[in-house]
């Protein structure tokens, strides 16, 4: 009987450990940054101001639904890079979820990628992830966790757009 209780306890504790969010980014997997707060009052306006101060234009703002998104902004001032980052945030009770889309211009197409945490991918993805982390840190959350949503096995092409030059 004691063995049965012990097995059930180990099984349930193992399942609970697997269901928890990670506290550090998982290599080539995390594509969301979750900021945890005790109170999110006033953070919607503060985040909008942070975006504007960092050179982003607001694309969508809906306080009722808790959505704040930016227009794509050029990642560097270099003439050789046309990579642009758009940041999407969703406000829920006591959390704010950050995600990003990276637009990269090719020969005749514009490619849209999900921004993921990965050190070995090309520089634009790393810069995009670091930019999202810097903005998140400026909000001074109680804690930060990282999450993978969808199939994010590294840097993948999500959509392709034809350039209209």
C-alpha atoms as a PDB file:
ATOM      1  CA  UNK A   1       0.000   0.000   0.000  1.00  0.00           C
ATOM      2  CA  UNK A   2       2.854   2.413   0.841  1.00  0.00           C
ATOM      3  CA  UNK A   3       4.481   1.619  -2.488  1.00  0.00           C
ATOM      4  CA  UNK A   4       1.271   2.568  -4.290  1.00  0.00           C
ATOM      5  CA  UNK A   5       1.167   5.951  -2.503  1.00  0.00           C
ATOM      6  CA  UNK A   6       4.837   6.524  -3.243  1.00  0.00           C
ATOM      7  CA  UNK A   7       4.355   5.732  -6.946  1.00  0.00           C
ATOM      8  CA  UNK A   8       1.348   8.060  -7.182  1.00  0.00           C
ATOM      9  CA  UNK A   9       3.246  10.828  -5.409  1.00  0.00           C
ATOM     10  CA  UNK A  10       6.260  10.508  -7.723  1.00  0.00           C
ATOM     11  CA  UNK A  11       4.062  10.374 -10.821  1.00  0.00           C
ATOM     12  CA  UNK A  12       2.076  13.458  -9.829  1.00  0.00           C
ATOM     13  CA  UNK A  13       5.133  15.462  -8.779  1.00  0.00           C
ATOM     14  CA  UNK A  14       6.881  14.579 -12.055  1.00  0.00           C
ATOM     15  CA  UNK A  15       3.851  15.693 -14.075  1.00  0.00           C
ATOM     16  CA  UNK A  16       3.678  18.967 -12.124  1.00  0.00           C
ATOM     17  CA  UNK A  17       7.359  19.645 -12.775  1.00  0.00           C
ATOM     18  CA  UNK A  18       6.899  19.125 -16.515  1.00  0.00           C
ATOM     19  CA  UNK A  19       3.918  21.486 -16.622  1.00  0.00           C
ATOM     20  CA  UNK A  20       5.826  24.441 -15.112  1.00  0.00           C
ATOM     21  CA  UNK A  21       7.124  27.256 -17.303  1.00  0.00           C
ATOM     22  CA  UNK A  22      10.862  27.608 -17.691  1.00  0.00           C
ATOM     23  CA  UNK A  23      12.719  30.290 -15.781  1.00  0.00           C
ATOM     24  CA  UNK A  24      15.549  30.601 -18.278  1.00  0.00           C
ATOM     25  CA  UNK A  25      15.256  30.615 -22.058  1.00  0.00           C
ATOM     26  CA  UNK A  26      15.364  27.176 -23.651  1.00  0.00           C
ATOM     27  CA  UNK A  27      17.852  27.054 -26.515  1.00  0.00           C
ATOM     28  CA  UNK A  28      16.164  27.356 -29.911  1.00  0.00           C
ATOM     29  CA  UNK A  29      12.700  27.058 -28.407  1.00  0.00           C
ATOM     30  CA  UNK A  30      11.444  30.059 -26.429  1.00  0.00           C
ATOM     31  CA  UNK A  31       9.475  32.517 -28.513  1.00  0.00           C
ATOM     32  CA  UNK A  32       7.531  34.316 -25.781  1.00  0.00           C
ATOM     33  CA  UNK A  33       8.653  36.397 -22.806  1.00  0.00           C
ATOM     34  CA  UNK A  34       6.180  36.444 -19.919  1.00  0.00           C
ATOM     35  CA  UNK A  35       6.425  39.286 -17.420  1.00  0.00           C
ATOM     36  CA  UNK A  36       4.726  38.700 -14.072  1.00  0.00           C
ATOM     37  CA  UNK A  37       3.476  41.604 -11.944  1.00  0.00           C
ATOM     38  CA  UNK A  38       1.512  41.976  -8.741  1.00  0.00           C
ATOM     39  CA  UNK A  39      -0.462  44.808 -10.371  1.00  0.00           C
ATOM     40  CA  UNK A  40      -0.491  45.880 -14.042  1.00  0.00           C
ATOM     41  CA  UNK A  41      -2.250  49.201 -13.417  1.00  0.00           C
ATOM     42  CA  UNK A  42      -0.648  51.936 -15.546  1.00  0.00           C
ATOM     43  CA  UNK A  43       1.672  49.547 -17.388  1.00  0.00           C
ATOM     44  CA  UNK A  44      -0.257  49.782 -20.670  1.00  0.00           C
ATOM     45  CA  UNK A  45       0.517  53.492 -20.971  1.00  0.00           C
ATOM     46  CA  UNK A  46       4.060  53.021 -19.646  1.00  0.00           C
ATOM     47  CA  UNK A  47       4.801  50.347 -22.264  1.00  0.00           C
ATOM     48  CA  UNK A  48       3.341  52.504 -25.061  1.00  0.00           C
ATOM     49  CA  UNK A  49       5.652  55.341 -23.972  1.00  0.00           C
ATOM     50  CA  UNK A  50       8.636  52.967 -23.873  1.00  0.00           C
ATOM     51  CA  UNK A  51       7.927  51.861 -27.435  1.00  0.00           C
ATOM     52  CA  UNK A  52       7.672  55.452 -28.642  1.00  0.00           C
ATOM     53  CA  UNK A  53      10.851  56.473 -26.771  1.00  0.00           C
ATOM     54  CA  UNK A  54      12.739  53.599 -28.431  1.00  0.00           C
ATOM     55  CA  UNK A  55      11.614  54.689 -31.917  1.00  0.00           C
ATOM     56  CA  UNK A  56       8.665  52.373 -32.534  1.00  0.00           C
ATOM     57  CA  UNK A  57       5.341  53.485 -33.991  1.00  0.00           C
ATOM     58  CA  UNK A  58       2.205  51.997 -32.450  1.00  0.00           C
ATOM     59  CA  UNK A  59       0.298  49.865 -34.964  1.00  0.00           C
ATOM     60  CA  UNK A  60      -2.545  48.597 -32.796  1.00  0.00           C
ATOM     61  CA  UNK A  61      -3.686  49.703 -29.364  1.00  0.00           C
ATOM     62  CA  UNK A  62      -6.726  48.207 -27.659  1.00  0.00           C
ATOM     63  CA  UNK A  63      -6.911  48.746 -23.913  1.00  0.00           C
ATOM     64  CA  UNK A  64     -10.077  46.674 -23.523  1.00  0.00           C
ATOM     65  CA  UNK A  65      -8.551  43.564 -25.121  1.00  0.00           C
ATOM     66  CA  UNK A  66      -5.083  44.277 -23.704  1.00  0.00           C
ATOM     67  CA  UNK A  67      -3.308  44.374 -27.077  1.00  0.00           C
ATOM     68  CA  UNK A  68      -0.401  46.674 -27.910  1.00  0.00           C
ATOM     69  CA  UNK A  69       1.561  46.142 -31.141  1.00  0.00           C
ATOM     70  CA  UNK A  70       4.217  48.113 -32.947  1.00  0.00           C
ATOM     71  CA  UNK A  71       4.921  48.784 -36.595  1.00  0.00           C
ATOM     72  CA  UNK A  72       8.048  47.042 -37.908  1.00  0.00           C
ATOM     73  CA  UNK A  73      11.140  49.143 -37.082  1.00  0.00           C
ATOM     74  CA  UNK A  74      14.576  48.857 -38.633  1.00  0.00           C
ATOM     75  CA  UNK A  75      16.952  46.973 -36.344  1.00  0.00           C
ATOM     76  CA  UNK A  76      20.149  48.853 -37.123  1.00  0.00           C
ATOM     77  CA  UNK A  77      21.230  52.024 -38.838  1.00  0.00           C
ATOM     78  CA  UNK A  78      23.520  50.073 -41.142  1.00  0.00           C
ATOM     79  CA  UNK A  79      22.930  50.454 -44.873  1.00  0.00           C
ATOM     80  CA  UNK A  80      23.536  46.728 -45.292  1.00  0.00           C
ATOM     81  CA  UNK A  81      20.665  45.610 -43.069  1.00  0.00           C
ATOM     82  CA  UNK A  82      16.997  45.966 -43.925  1.00  0.00           C
ATOM     83  CA  UNK A  83      15.803  43.744 -41.070  1.00  0.00           C
ATOM     84  CA  UNK A  84      12.822  45.097 -39.157  1.00  0.00           C
ATOM     85  CA  UNK A  85      11.299  44.058 -35.816  1.00  0.00           C
ATOM     86  CA  UNK A  86       7.624  44.294 -34.835  1.00  0.00           C
ATOM     87  CA  UNK A  87       6.781  43.626 -31.172  1.00  0.00           C
ATOM     88  CA  UNK A  88       3.422  42.256 -30.052  1.00  0.00           C
ATOM     89  CA  UNK A  89       2.244  42.366 -26.430  1.00  0.00           C
ATOM     90  CA  UNK A  90      -0.829  40.972 -24.730  1.00  0.00           C
ATOM     91  CA  UNK A  91      -1.927  42.017 -21.231  1.00  0.00           C
ATOM     92  CA  UNK A  92      -3.625  39.391 -19.061  1.00  0.00           C
ATOM     93  CA  UNK A  93      -4.563  39.761 -15.379  1.00  0.00           C
ATOM     94  CA  UNK A  94      -1.070  40.002 -13.855  1.00  0.00           C
ATOM     95  CA  UNK A  95       1.104  39.106 -16.880  1.00  0.00           C
ATOM     96  CA  UNK A  96       2.314  40.717 -20.062  1.00  0.00           C
ATOM     97  CA  UNK A  97       3.344  38.439 -22.928  1.00  0.00           C
ATOM     98  CA  UNK A  98       5.946  39.666 -25.438  1.00  0.00           C
ATOM     99  CA  UNK A  99       6.478  38.131 -28.876  1.00  0.00           C
ATOM    100  CA  UNK A 100       8.168  39.428 -31.996  1.00  0.00           C
ATOM    101  CA  UNK A 101       8.161  39.181 -35.769  1.00  0.00           C
ATOM    102  CA  UNK A 102      11.272  39.811 -37.802  1.00  0.00           C
ATOM    103  CA  UNK A 103      10.939  40.977 -41.403  1.00  0.00           C
ATOM    104  CA  UNK A 104      13.954  40.301 -43.597  1.00  0.00           C
ATOM    105  CA  UNK A 105      14.264  41.471 -47.165  1.00  0.00           C
ATOM    106  CA  UNK A 106      15.552  39.058 -49.757  1.00  0.00           C
ATOM    107  CA  UNK A 107      16.206  39.482 -53.471  1.00  0.00           C
ATOM    108  CA  UNK A 108      12.563  39.644 -54.522  1.00  0.00           C
ATOM    109  CA  UNK A 109      10.666  38.746 -51.356  1.00  0.00           C
ATOM    110  CA  UNK A 110      10.191  39.898 -47.787  1.00  0.00           C
ATOM    111  CA  UNK A 111      10.350  37.054 -45.268  1.00  0.00           C
ATOM    112  CA  UNK A 112       8.550  37.117 -41.928  1.00  0.00           C
ATOM    113  CA  UNK A 113       9.942  35.050 -39.036  1.00  0.00           C
ATOM    114  CA  UNK A 114       8.999  34.490 -35.424  1.00  0.00           C
ATOM    115  CA  UNK A 115      11.707  35.795 -33.102  1.00  0.00           C
ATOM    116  CA  UNK A 116      13.087  32.963 -30.950  1.00  0.00           C
ATOM    117  CA  UNK A 117      15.756  32.665 -28.281  1.00  0.00           C
ATOM    118  CA  UNK A 118      18.855  31.256 -29.945  1.00  0.00           C
ATOM    119  CA  UNK A 119      22.500  32.279 -29.801  1.00  0.00           C
ATOM    120  CA  UNK A 120      23.599  30.444 -32.939  1.00  0.00           C
ATOM    121  CA  UNK A 121      21.187  32.020 -35.405  1.00  0.00           C
ATOM    122  CA  UNK A 122      22.015  35.063 -37.428  1.00  0.00           C
ATOM    123  CA  UNK A 123      22.537  38.450 -35.828  1.00  0.00           C
ATOM    124  CA  UNK A 124      19.123  39.989 -36.578  1.00  0.00           C
ATOM    125  CA  UNK A 125      17.291  37.321 -34.565  1.00  0.00           C
ATOM    126  CA  UNK A 126      19.671  37.735 -31.613  1.00  0.00           C
ATOM    127  CA  UNK A 127      19.323  41.525 -31.717  1.00  0.00           C
ATOM    128  CA  UNK A 128      15.533  41.217 -31.868  1.00  0.00           C
ATOM    129  CA  UNK A 129      15.393  38.924 -28.841  1.00  0.00           C
ATOM    130  CA  UNK A 130      17.750  41.201 -26.876  1.00  0.00           C
ATOM    131  CA  UNK A 131      15.647  44.256 -27.785  1.00  0.00           C
ATOM    132  CA  UNK A 132      12.522  42.558 -26.437  1.00  0.00           C
ATOM    133  CA  UNK A 133      14.374  41.598 -23.233  1.00  0.00           C
ATOM    134  CA  UNK A 134      15.643  45.161 -22.725  1.00  0.00           C
ATOM    135  CA  UNK A 135      12.142  46.612 -23.088  1.00  0.00           C
ATOM    136  CA  UNK A 136      10.782  43.942 -20.741  1.00  0.00           C
ATOM    137  CA  UNK A 137      13.427  44.748 -18.121  1.00  0.00           C
ATOM    138  CA  UNK A 138      12.542  48.464 -18.238  1.00  0.00           C
ATOM    139  CA  UNK A 139       9.056  47.591 -16.947  1.00  0.00           C
ATOM    140  CA  UNK A 140      10.665  46.069 -13.807  1.00  0.00           C
ATOM    141  CA  UNK A 141       8.515  42.943 -13.483  1.00  0.00           C
ATOM    142  CA  UNK A 142       8.372  40.822 -10.324  1.00  0.00           C
ATOM    143  CA  UNK A 143       9.594  37.849 -12.362  1.00  0.00           C
ATOM    144  CA  UNK A 144      10.216  36.798 -15.966  1.00  0.00           C
ATOM    145  CA  UNK A 145       9.601  33.400 -17.511  1.00  0.00           C
ATOM    146  CA  UNK A 146       9.991  32.101 -21.049  1.00  0.00           C
ATOM    147  CA  UNK A 147       7.593  30.002 -23.028  1.00  0.00           C
ATOM    148  CA  UNK A 148       7.352  28.187 -26.343  1.00  0.00           C
ATOM    149  CA  UNK A 149       4.096  28.481 -28.241  1.00  0.00           C
ATOM    150  CA  UNK A 150       3.614  26.626 -31.498  1.00  0.00           C
ATOM    151  CA  UNK A 151       6.285  24.780 -33.429  1.00  0.00           C
ATOM    152  CA  UNK A 152       9.400  26.852 -32.865  1.00  0.00           C
ATOM    153  CA  UNK A 153      12.371  24.675 -33.765  1.00  0.00           C
ATOM    154  CA  UNK A 154      14.679  27.599 -34.312  1.00  0.00           C
ATOM    155  CA  UNK A 155      14.356  30.324 -36.884  1.00  0.00           C
ATOM    156  CA  UNK A 156      11.699  29.421 -39.441  1.00  0.00           C
ATOM    157  CA  UNK A 157      10.148  31.240 -42.346  1.00  0.00           C
ATOM    158  CA  UNK A 158       6.522  31.883 -41.507  1.00  0.00           C
ATOM    159  CA  UNK A 159       5.300  33.804 -44.554  1.00  0.00           C
ATOM    160  CA  UNK A 160       6.675  35.313 -47.734  1.00  0.00           C
ATOM    161  CA  UNK A 161       5.533  38.580 -49.280  1.00  0.00           C
ATOM    162  CA  UNK A 162       6.311  39.818 -52.776  1.00  0.00           C
ATOM    163  CA  UNK A 163       8.128  43.125 -52.832  1.00  0.00           C
ATOM    164  CA  UNK A 164       6.230  45.852 -54.623  1.00  0.00           C
ATOM    165  CA  UNK A 165       9.099  47.986 -55.986  1.00  0.00           C
END
